[in-house]
């Protein structure tokens, strides 16, 4: 079936609608939505019922990169720094050394059991070496899986920050396979350049983006998420242009922004949450269309063998070696090992060998696709069961509120005060976002003369305004004294 331009929107919207409706009921049967999105794409593809002809790895790669921008940026916005800070070392070690150990151990196994060359084997290992942010974020959050201590922040930090390492390894070993580089030593400068520039520019663009968001006067609340999208792509493309890792840059930029006071922050978060889901669906549908199921069947045996080795050996090797540096119970290490979900990211990375035209590119792509599917099916459907077996899950009555509610509003609930803004205090003629208002307090209403004003980040306080403030505790009033004390 060849799509005319006039039918692309119709078919695309129908596929999107079907994906959402099917995904809505999928967890009644314990099937992750991401697998269903892939399955719908495959059914709509050339080997499926609809028979849509789609064999364009370059377009699929472009869609994948755009989608990963939104998914990683949204995950970064949701990363709560106070929750991540205690486990920062563990998360970063897993996302760097852990990825390297997983890639090398799996690569050596592939070299042993197949006729791949050493570099081709390490390339395949690199492609599937990182946990997938889309899979981890969507499954943990859709299941509302509450975990003890700092397990969940550790898993989300790792999955959100380890794609850059896998990308660098993939590109590095691809250059060795194609002959652009002649030794492993020659890729070390490339690796250092990617990670150092990516990290530095991500932080720099984060600070710049905060300044732009809070100081530009757009006039319409709905334009602020659009502004952030533009800043996100500027961060990625500029970093990539100068030789840095764009994926790392946008994740760090988003983590920084997500933990700052921003104008219309709640609106920005909600828009990106919806866009991240949209991009996950589009990405998995596209990759499903790109796959030819009849080409995968000959590689199912070797694919299953490699997938089981990845799940049961390579991933645990990386996790246990990294976690030797930290005091941690073995059941926590085991659970971190099990949440090594592979999803769309490895399939996107597998398009790079296809476009490079290496000899075994199609074999690598089909094996990677099979690994991703089996990983989500085997591990994704058993996360809650393993949490119960290993005693790392919280009882239902101890589950905390959802992350978005906690991170965006952090609403106090125990005290309420009215504060009159004096004529000559520091808060007069300043926007709320510029006041460094204590996180223990939240302005819910402003009375200005005979009218009531709904507060927002861009709202300027005026003399004699009466603020209705919610507080964690009445004792927290002292934290605001410097704002409302006359000069």
Protein backbone atom coordinates (compact mmCIF):
# COMPACT_ATOMS: atom_id res chain seq x y z
CA UNK A 1 0.00 0.00 0.00
CA UNK A 2 1.50 3.32 -1.11
CA UNK A 3 0.26 6.33 0.80
CA UNK A 4 -0.71 9.49 -1.03
CA UNK A 5 0.04 12.79 0.68
CA UNK A 6 -3.69 13.30 1.24
CA UNK A 7 -3.97 10.00 3.14
CA UNK A 8 -0.93 10.29 5.40
CA UNK A 9 -2.76 12.34 8.03
CA UNK A 10 -5.78 10.03 7.96
CA UNK A 11 -3.76 6.82 8.30
CA UNK A 12 -1.39 8.40 10.84
CA UNK A 13 -4.20 9.69 13.03
CA UNK A 14 -6.01 6.34 12.87
CA UNK A 15 -2.84 4.52 13.94
CA UNK A 16 -2.34 7.02 16.76
CA UNK A 17 -5.96 6.64 17.90
CA UNK A 18 -5.79 2.84 17.83
CA UNK A 19 -2.50 2.90 19.77
CA UNK A 20 -3.98 5.09 22.51
CA UNK A 21 -7.16 3.04 22.82
CA UNK A 22 -5.31 -0.27 22.87
CA UNK A 23 -2.69 1.08 25.26
CA UNK A 24 -5.43 2.27 27.63
CA UNK A 25 -6.50 -1.30 28.37
CA UNK A 26 -3.19 -3.09 27.89
CA UNK A 27 -2.17 -3.24 31.52
CA UNK A 28 -5.28 -5.20 32.42
CA UNK A 29 -3.46 -8.05 30.72
CA UNK A 30 0.03 -7.07 31.91
CA UNK A 31 1.31 -6.12 28.44
CA UNK A 32 3.47 -2.96 28.25
CA UNK A 33 2.00 -0.31 25.97
CA UNK A 34 5.31 0.11 24.14
CA UNK A 35 5.13 -3.46 22.80
CA UNK A 36 1.59 -2.81 21.59
CA UNK A 37 2.71 0.33 19.76
CA UNK A 38 5.41 -1.72 18.03
CA UNK A 39 2.93 -4.47 17.21
CA UNK A 40 0.44 -2.01 15.70
CA UNK A 41 3.23 -0.56 13.56
CA UNK A 42 4.22 -4.04 12.38
CA UNK A 43 0.60 -4.94 11.59
CA UNK A 44 0.28 -1.75 9.57
CA UNK A 45 3.57 -2.38 7.75
CA UNK A 46 4.33 -4.12 4.49
CA UNK A 47 4.21 -7.61 6.08
CA UNK A 48 1.07 -6.80 8.05
CA UNK A 49 -2.63 -6.45 7.43
CA UNK A 50 -2.63 -2.85 6.15
CA UNK A 51 0.47 -3.29 3.98
CA UNK A 52 1.96 0.21 4.22
CA UNK A 53 5.25 0.27 2.33
CA UNK A 54 7.92 1.86 4.53
CA UNK A 55 11.62 1.10 4.08
CA UNK A 56 13.38 4.35 4.87
CA UNK A 57 15.98 3.99 7.66
CA UNK A 58 17.09 7.61 7.22
CA UNK A 59 13.59 8.97 7.88
CA UNK A 60 13.13 6.51 10.75
CA UNK A 61 16.43 7.69 12.26
CA UNK A 62 15.36 11.34 11.96
CA UNK A 63 12.02 10.59 13.66
CA UNK A 64 13.91 8.63 16.30
CA UNK A 65 16.32 11.49 17.07
CA UNK A 66 13.49 14.04 17.31
CA UNK A 67 11.47 11.70 19.53
CA UNK A 68 14.44 11.00 21.81
CA UNK A 69 14.91 14.75 22.24
CA UNK A 70 11.41 15.06 23.68
CA UNK A 71 11.61 11.85 25.73
CA UNK A 72 14.97 12.68 27.32
CA UNK A 73 14.05 16.32 27.88
CA UNK A 74 10.77 15.37 29.55
CA UNK A 75 12.57 12.82 31.70
CA UNK A 76 15.12 15.47 32.67
CA UNK A 77 12.39 17.93 33.66
CA UNK A 78 10.87 15.28 35.93
CA UNK A 79 14.22 14.54 37.61
CA UNK A 80 13.94 15.92 41.14
CA UNK A 81 17.41 17.07 42.23
CA UNK A 82 16.90 16.53 46.01
CA UNK A 83 15.87 12.93 45.26
CA UNK A 84 18.71 12.36 42.77
CA UNK A 85 21.54 14.04 44.70
CA UNK A 86 22.00 11.22 47.27
CA UNK A 87 22.36 8.61 44.50
CA UNK A 88 24.15 10.76 41.92
CA UNK A 89 27.38 8.75 42.06
CA UNK A 90 25.58 5.42 41.67
CA UNK A 91 23.49 6.69 38.75
CA UNK A 92 26.42 8.23 36.89
CA UNK A 93 28.60 5.16 37.39
CA UNK A 94 25.84 2.91 36.03
CA UNK A 95 25.30 5.21 33.04
CA UNK A 96 29.00 5.25 32.09
CA UNK A 97 31.07 2.33 33.41
CA UNK A 98 27.96 0.12 33.59
CA UNK A 99 27.17 0.75 29.93
CA UNK A 100 30.79 0.09 28.92
CA UNK A 101 30.92 -3.20 30.86
CA UNK A 102 27.59 -4.34 29.42
CA UNK A 103 28.68 -3.49 25.87
CA UNK A 104 32.05 -5.25 26.13
CA UNK A 105 30.82 -8.40 27.90
CA UNK A 106 27.92 -8.83 25.48
CA UNK A 107 30.19 -8.03 22.52
CA UNK A 108 32.65 -10.74 23.55
CA UNK A 109 29.79 -13.24 23.85
CA UNK A 110 28.45 -12.33 20.39
CA UNK A 111 31.98 -12.73 18.98
CA UNK A 112 32.15 -16.21 20.53
CA UNK A 113 28.76 -17.51 19.33
CA UNK A 114 28.53 -15.88 15.87
CA UNK A 115 30.70 -15.30 12.81
CA UNK A 116 30.81 -11.54 13.49
CA UNK A 117 34.20 -9.86 13.65
CA UNK A 118 35.29 -8.49 17.02
CA UNK A 119 34.42 -4.91 16.10
CA UNK A 120 31.04 -5.93 14.65
CA UNK A 121 30.29 -7.83 17.87
CA UNK A 122 31.26 -4.86 20.04
CA UNK A 123 29.13 -2.63 17.81
CA UNK A 124 26.08 -4.81 18.45
CA UNK A 125 26.89 -4.84 22.18
CA UNK A 126 27.15 -1.05 22.20
CA UNK A 127 23.81 -0.59 20.43
CA UNK A 128 21.93 -2.50 23.15
CA UNK A 129 24.12 -1.44 26.08
CA UNK A 130 21.90 1.27 27.59
CA UNK A 131 18.59 0.98 29.35
CA UNK A 132 15.81 2.72 27.47
CA UNK A 133 14.45 5.92 29.03
CA UNK A 134 11.10 5.67 27.24
CA UNK A 135 10.57 2.10 28.43
CA UNK A 136 11.70 2.70 32.03
CA UNK A 137 9.83 6.00 32.49
CA UNK A 138 6.59 4.78 30.95
CA UNK A 139 6.49 1.38 32.68
CA UNK A 140 7.51 2.61 36.15
CA UNK A 141 5.08 5.51 36.02
CA UNK A 142 2.14 3.78 34.38
CA UNK A 143 2.38 0.97 36.94
CA UNK A 144 2.81 3.60 39.71
CA UNK A 145 5.50 1.32 41.09
CA UNK A 146 6.73 2.60 44.45
CA UNK A 147 10.17 1.31 45.50
CA UNK A 148 12.04 1.43 48.78
CA UNK A 149 14.86 3.87 49.62
CA UNK A 150 16.31 5.50 46.48
CA UNK A 151 15.77 2.71 43.97
CA UNK A 152 13.38 4.54 41.68
CA UNK A 153 15.47 7.75 41.37
CA UNK A 154 18.52 5.56 40.69
CA UNK A 155 16.75 3.69 37.89
CA UNK A 156 15.32 6.82 36.30
CA UNK A 157 18.60 8.73 36.53
CA UNK A 158 20.47 5.82 34.93
CA UNK A 159 17.96 5.35 32.11
CA UNK A 160 17.80 9.08 31.40
CA UNK A 161 21.57 9.61 31.36
CA UNK A 162 23.04 6.44 29.83
CA UNK A 163 21.88 6.87 26.22
CA UNK A 164 24.72 9.35 25.49
CA UNK A 165 27.32 6.75 26.52
CA UNK A 166 25.70 4.09 24.33
CA UNK A 167 25.52 6.56 21.43
CA UNK A 168 29.22 7.40 21.72
CA UNK A 169 30.18 3.70 21.86
CA UNK A 170 27.93 2.93 18.88
CA UNK A 171 29.45 5.65 16.72
CA UNK A 172 32.97 4.81 17.89
CA UNK A 173 32.77 1.10 17.06
CA UNK A 174 30.95 1.89 13.81
CA UNK A 175 33.99 3.92 12.73
CA UNK A 176 36.18 0.92 13.54
CA UNK A 177 33.97 -1.40 11.49
CA UNK A 178 33.96 0.97 8.50
CA UNK A 179 37.69 1.60 8.80
CA UNK A 180 37.48 5.32 9.58
CA UNK A 181 39.50 4.59 12.72
CA UNK A 182 42.06 1.81 12.95
CA UNK A 183 42.31 1.11 16.70
CA UNK A 184 40.38 1.41 19.96
CA UNK A 185 42.91 3.96 21.21
CA UNK A 186 42.01 6.29 18.36
CA UNK A 187 38.39 6.65 19.59
CA UNK A 188 39.34 7.88 23.08
CA UNK A 189 39.67 11.57 21.99
CA UNK A 190 36.26 11.31 20.32
CA UNK A 191 34.75 9.90 23.52
CA UNK A 192 36.23 12.62 25.74
CA UNK A 193 35.16 15.37 23.34
CA UNK A 194 31.59 14.08 23.18
CA UNK A 195 31.13 13.75 26.94
CA UNK A 196 32.98 16.90 28.08
CA UNK A 197 31.39 19.21 25.52
CA UNK A 198 27.98 17.62 26.01
CA UNK A 199 28.07 18.07 29.78
CA UNK A 200 29.47 21.62 29.73
CA UNK A 201 27.15 22.91 27.00
CA UNK A 202 24.13 21.22 28.59
CA UNK A 203 24.70 23.13 31.83
CA UNK A 204 25.48 26.37 29.98
CA UNK A 205 22.34 26.14 27.84
CA UNK A 206 20.33 25.30 30.96
CA UNK A 207 21.35 28.57 32.61
CA UNK A 208 20.81 30.49 29.37
CA UNK A 209 17.38 28.89 28.86
CA UNK A 210 16.29 29.83 32.39
CA UNK A 211 17.24 33.46 31.75
CA UNK A 212 15.42 33.53 28.40
CA UNK A 213 12.26 31.88 29.76
CA UNK A 214 11.99 34.16 32.79
CA UNK A 215 12.90 37.44 31.09
CA UNK A 216 11.22 37.29 27.69
CA UNK A 217 7.74 38.80 27.65
CA UNK A 218 5.59 36.63 25.36
CA UNK A 219 2.17 37.72 26.55
CA UNK A 220 0.55 34.31 26.05
CA UNK A 221 1.04 31.38 28.43
CA UNK A 222 0.73 28.85 25.61
CA UNK A 223 3.84 30.23 23.89
CA UNK A 224 6.19 29.31 26.74
CA UNK A 225 6.21 25.55 26.04
CA UNK A 226 6.87 26.41 22.37
CA UNK A 227 9.80 28.56 23.48
CA UNK A 228 11.19 25.67 25.54
CA UNK A 229 10.90 23.33 22.53
CA UNK A 230 12.95 25.79 20.49
CA UNK A 231 15.56 26.03 23.25
CA UNK A 232 15.68 22.22 23.48
CA UNK A 233 16.46 21.81 19.77
CA UNK A 234 18.96 24.69 19.86
CA UNK A 235 20.76 22.94 22.73
CA UNK A 236 20.85 19.60 20.92
CA UNK A 237 21.82 20.85 17.46
CA UNK A 238 24.42 23.37 18.63
CA UNK A 239 26.11 20.81 20.87
CA UNK A 240 26.08 18.25 18.09
CA UNK A 241 27.43 20.82 15.59
CA UNK A 242 30.51 21.60 17.71
CA UNK A 243 31.23 17.90 18.31
CA UNK A 244 29.57 17.35 21.69
CA UNK A 245 26.95 14.81 22.69
CA UNK A 246 23.56 16.43 22.05
CA UNK A 247 21.61 13.80 24.00
CA UNK A 248 23.68 14.41 27.13
CA UNK A 249 23.36 18.18 26.68
CA UNK A 250 19.56 18.24 26.50
CA UNK A 251 19.22 15.89 29.48
CA UNK A 252 21.47 18.04 31.67
CA UNK A 253 19.75 21.20 30.42
CA UNK A 254 16.35 19.72 31.31
CA UNK A 255 17.46 18.54 34.77
CA UNK A 256 18.71 22.06 35.51
CA UNK A 257 15.50 23.72 34.27
CA UNK A 258 13.26 21.25 36.07
CA UNK A 259 14.74 22.28 39.41
CA UNK A 260 14.55 26.05 38.89
CA UNK A 261 11.76 28.58 39.33
CA UNK A 262 10.29 29.18 35.88
CA UNK A 263 7.41 31.22 34.55
CA UNK A 264 4.44 28.95 33.77
CA UNK A 265 6.43 25.92 34.96
CA UNK A 266 3.34 23.80 35.52
CA UNK A 267 2.13 24.42 31.96
CA UNK A 268 5.56 23.59 30.50
CA UNK A 269 5.71 20.32 32.46
CA UNK A 270 2.23 19.23 31.40
CA UNK A 271 2.87 20.01 27.72
CA UNK A 272 6.16 18.09 27.70
CA UNK A 273 4.59 15.14 29.49
CA UNK A 274 1.98 14.90 26.73
CA UNK A 275 4.56 15.42 23.99
CA UNK A 276 6.79 12.71 25.45
CA UNK A 277 3.92 10.22 25.26
CA UNK A 278 3.12 11.33 21.71
CA UNK A 279 6.75 10.88 20.67
CA UNK A 280 6.94 7.45 22.29
CA UNK A 281 3.91 6.33 20.28
CA UNK A 282 5.17 7.88 17.03
CA UNK A 283 8.64 6.40 17.55
CA UNK A 284 7.44 2.87 18.25
CA UNK A 285 4.90 2.99 15.41
CA UNK A 286 7.61 4.16 13.00
CA UNK A 287 10.05 1.46 14.07
CA UNK A 288 7.27 -1.11 13.81
CA UNK A 289 6.62 0.00 10.23
CA UNK A 290 10.34 -0.21 9.45
CA UNK A 291 10.58 -3.85 10.53
CA UNK A 292 9.90 -6.75 8.18
CA UNK A 293 8.82 -9.64 10.44
CA UNK A 294 9.72 -12.30 7.86
CA UNK A 295 13.33 -11.08 8.01
CA UNK A 296 13.48 -11.49 11.80
CA UNK A 297 12.36 -15.14 11.90
CA UNK A 298 15.74 -16.61 10.73
CA UNK A 299 17.50 -14.78 13.59
CA UNK A 300 15.08 -15.57 16.41
CA UNK A 301 17.23 -18.39 17.79
CA UNK A 302 20.49 -16.45 18.01
CA UNK A 303 18.54 -13.33 19.02
CA UNK A 304 16.96 -15.14 21.98
CA UNK A 305 20.35 -16.53 23.04
CA UNK A 306 21.96 -13.07 22.94
CA UNK A 307 18.95 -11.50 24.69
CA UNK A 308 19.05 -14.02 27.55
CA UNK A 309 22.80 -13.50 27.96
CA UNK A 310 22.22 -9.73 28.09
CA UNK A 311 19.45 -10.04 30.69
CA UNK A 312 21.00 -12.74 32.88
CA UNK A 313 24.75 -12.15 32.54
CA UNK A 314 25.95 -8.96 30.80
CA UNK A 315 23.62 -6.51 32.55
CA UNK A 316 24.21 -8.06 36.03
CA UNK A 317 27.99 -7.96 35.43
CA UNK A 318 27.84 -4.23 34.75
CA UNK A 319 25.54 -3.49 37.70
CA UNK A 320 27.31 -5.64 40.31
CA UNK A 321 30.78 -4.34 39.42
CA UNK A 322 29.59 -0.71 39.54
CA UNK A 323 27.71 -1.23 42.81
CA UNK A 324 30.77 -2.81 44.51
CA UNK A 325 31.83 0.77 45.27
CA UNK A 326 28.68 1.38 47.34
CA UNK A 327 27.12 -0.22 50.39
CA UNK A 328 24.00 -1.88 49.05
CA UNK A 329 22.04 -5.06 49.67
CA UNK A 330 22.27 -7.72 46.96
CA UNK A 331 18.50 -7.73 46.41
CA UNK A 332 18.70 -4.06 45.42
CA UNK A 333 21.54 -4.85 43.01
CA UNK A 334 19.47 -7.68 41.56
CA UNK A 335 16.48 -5.42 41.03
CA UNK A 336 18.57 -2.72 39.34
CA UNK A 337 19.93 -5.49 37.08
CA UNK A 338 16.43 -6.64 36.21
CA UNK A 339 15.22 -3.15 35.28
CA UNK A 340 17.62 -3.12 32.33
CA UNK A 341 14.86 -2.57 29.80
CA UNK A 342 15.75 -2.19 26.15
CA UNK A 343 13.23 -0.43 23.96
CA UNK A 344 13.22 1.96 21.03
CA UNK A 345 16.65 3.56 21.60
CA UNK A 346 18.66 0.47 20.54
CA UNK A 347 16.49 0.13 17.44
CA UNK A 348 17.15 3.80 16.56
CA UNK A 349 20.89 3.26 17.10
CA UNK A 350 20.69 0.15 14.89
CA UNK A 351 19.77 2.37 11.94
CA UNK A 352 23.27 3.88 11.98
CA UNK A 353 24.91 0.66 10.63
CA UNK A 354 22.13 0.47 8.02
CA UNK A 355 22.90 3.97 6.77
CA UNK A 356 26.65 3.31 6.93
CA UNK A 357 26.11 0.35 4.58
CA UNK A 358 28.19 -2.19 6.50
CA UNK A 359 27.92 -5.83 5.41
CA UNK A 360 25.99 -7.24 8.38
CA UNK A 361 23.83 -4.17 9.04
CA UNK A 362 20.49 -5.89 8.40
CA UNK A 363 21.43 -8.84 10.59
CA UNK A 364 22.40 -6.46 13.41
CA UNK A 365 19.16 -4.50 13.01
CA UNK A 366 16.97 -7.62 13.15
CA UNK A 367 18.81 -9.05 16.16
CA UNK A 368 18.60 -5.71 17.99
CA UNK A 369 14.88 -5.47 17.28
CA UNK A 370 14.34 -8.97 18.66
CA UNK A 371 16.41 -8.17 21.78
CA UNK A 372 14.35 -5.02 22.45
CA UNK A 373 11.05 -6.86 22.11
CA UNK A 374 12.07 -9.76 24.34
CA UNK A 375 13.53 -7.40 26.94
CA UNK A 376 10.31 -5.41 27.29
CA UNK A 377 8.19 -8.58 27.24
CA UNK A 378 10.28 -10.50 29.78
CA UNK A 379 11.45 -7.73 32.08
CA UNK A 380 8.76 -5.10 31.53
CA UNK A 381 5.92 -7.45 32.47
CA UNK A 382 7.62 -8.68 35.66
CA UNK A 383 8.85 -5.49 37.34
CA UNK A 384 6.13 -5.51 39.99
CA UNK A 385 6.50 -9.26 40.57
CA UNK A 386 10.27 -9.01 41.04
CA UNK A 387 9.86 -6.00 43.34
CA UNK A 388 7.61 -8.15 45.54
CA UNK A 389 9.92 -11.21 45.41
CA UNK A 390 12.99 -9.16 46.30
CA UNK A 391 11.11 -7.12 48.91
CA UNK A 392 12.06 -3.76 47.40
CA UNK A 393 8.54 -2.46 46.76
CA UNK A 394 6.50 -0.29 49.12
CA UNK A 395 3.08 -1.41 50.40
CA UNK A 396 0.12 0.21 48.66
CA UNK A 397 -0.73 2.43 51.64
CA UNK A 398 2.79 3.87 51.75
CA UNK A 399 2.96 4.95 48.14
CA UNK A 400 3.72 8.64 47.82
CA UNK A 401 2.01 11.04 45.52
CA UNK A 402 2.94 11.03 41.87
CA UNK A 403 6.17 12.71 40.88
CA UNK A 404 4.64 15.42 38.76
CA UNK A 405 2.36 16.62 41.54
CA UNK A 406 5.18 16.58 44.06
CA UNK A 407 7.82 18.17 41.86
CA UNK A 408 5.77 20.84 40.16
CA UNK A 409 3.68 22.19 43.03
CA UNK A 410 5.02 20.70 46.28
CA UNK A 411 1.94 22.17 47.93
CA UNK A 412 2.09 22.73 51.71
CA UNK A 413 -1.11 21.90 53.54
CA UNK A 414 -0.88 22.70 57.25
CA UNK A 415 -1.10 26.48 57.62
CA UNK A 416 -2.48 29.54 55.82
CA UNK A 417 -1.53 33.20 56.30
CA UNK A 418 -2.41 36.56 54.82
CA UNK A 419 0.59 38.80 54.13
CA UNK A 420 0.30 42.51 53.31
CA UNK A 421 3.10 43.74 51.03
CA UNK A 422 4.59 46.90 52.63
CA UNK A 423 5.26 50.00 50.52
CA UNK A 424 9.05 49.89 50.70
CA UNK A 425 9.91 46.19 50.98
CA UNK A 426 12.13 44.14 48.67
CA UNK A 427 9.16 42.40 47.02
CA UNK A 428 7.48 45.51 45.55
CA UNK A 429 7.48 45.63 41.72
CA UNK A 430 9.20 42.25 41.49
CA UNK A 431 7.89 39.17 39.73
CA UNK A 432 7.13 36.16 41.89
CA UNK A 433 9.62 34.06 39.92
CA UNK A 434 12.42 36.52 40.87
CA UNK A 435 11.69 36.53 44.61
CA UNK A 436 13.32 33.19 45.48
CA UNK A 437 10.12 32.43 47.36
CA UNK A 438 10.66 29.62 49.93
CA UNK A 439 9.65 26.16 48.73
CA UNK A 440 7.80 25.68 52.03
CA UNK A 441 5.23 28.29 50.90
CA UNK A 442 2.87 28.79 47.98
CA UNK A 443 0.91 31.91 46.99
CA UNK A 444 -2.63 30.84 46.10
CA UNK A 445 -4.31 34.23 45.67
CA UNK A 446 -3.51 37.95 45.57
CA UNK A 447 -6.04 40.63 46.59
CA UNK A 448 -5.26 43.96 44.93
CA UNK A 449 -7.74 46.63 45.97
CA UNK A 450 -11.17 45.26 45.17
CA UNK A 451 -10.01 42.60 42.70
CA UNK A 452 -8.44 39.18 43.05
CA UNK A 453 -5.41 38.25 40.95
CA UNK A 454 -4.43 34.67 40.18
CA UNK A 455 -0.69 34.47 40.83
CA UNK A 456 1.79 33.20 38.28
CA UNK A 457 5.55 33.33 37.88
CA UNK A 458 5.33 36.55 35.83
CA UNK A 459 2.96 38.33 38.27
CA UNK A 460 4.50 41.50 39.72
CA UNK A 461 3.70 42.26 43.35
CA UNK A 462 2.51 45.76 44.17
CA UNK A 463 2.52 47.73 47.40
CA UNK A 464 -0.44 46.92 49.67
CA UNK A 465 -1.17 43.64 47.87
CA UNK A 466 -2.65 41.06 50.23
CA UNK A 467 -1.16 37.61 49.62
CA UNK A 468 -2.94 34.42 50.65
CA UNK A 469 -0.10 32.00 51.37
CA UNK A 470 -0.15 28.29 52.20
CA UNK A 471 2.67 27.10 54.46
CA UNK A 472 4.09 23.81 55.67
CA UNK A 473 4.11 25.23 59.16
CA UNK A 474 3.50 28.62 60.77
CA UNK A 475 7.13 28.60 61.90
CA UNK A 476 8.16 28.92 58.24
CA UNK A 477 7.05 32.57 58.24
CA UNK A 478 10.53 33.60 59.33
CA UNK A 479 11.92 32.41 55.97
CA UNK A 480 9.95 35.19 54.25
CA UNK A 481 10.83 38.02 56.62
CA UNK A 482 13.56 39.38 54.35
CA UNK A 483 11.08 39.64 51.45
CA UNK A 484 8.38 41.59 53.25
CA UNK A 485 10.34 43.56 55.84
CA UNK A 486 10.36 47.33 55.10
CA UNK A 487 13.75 48.68 54.03
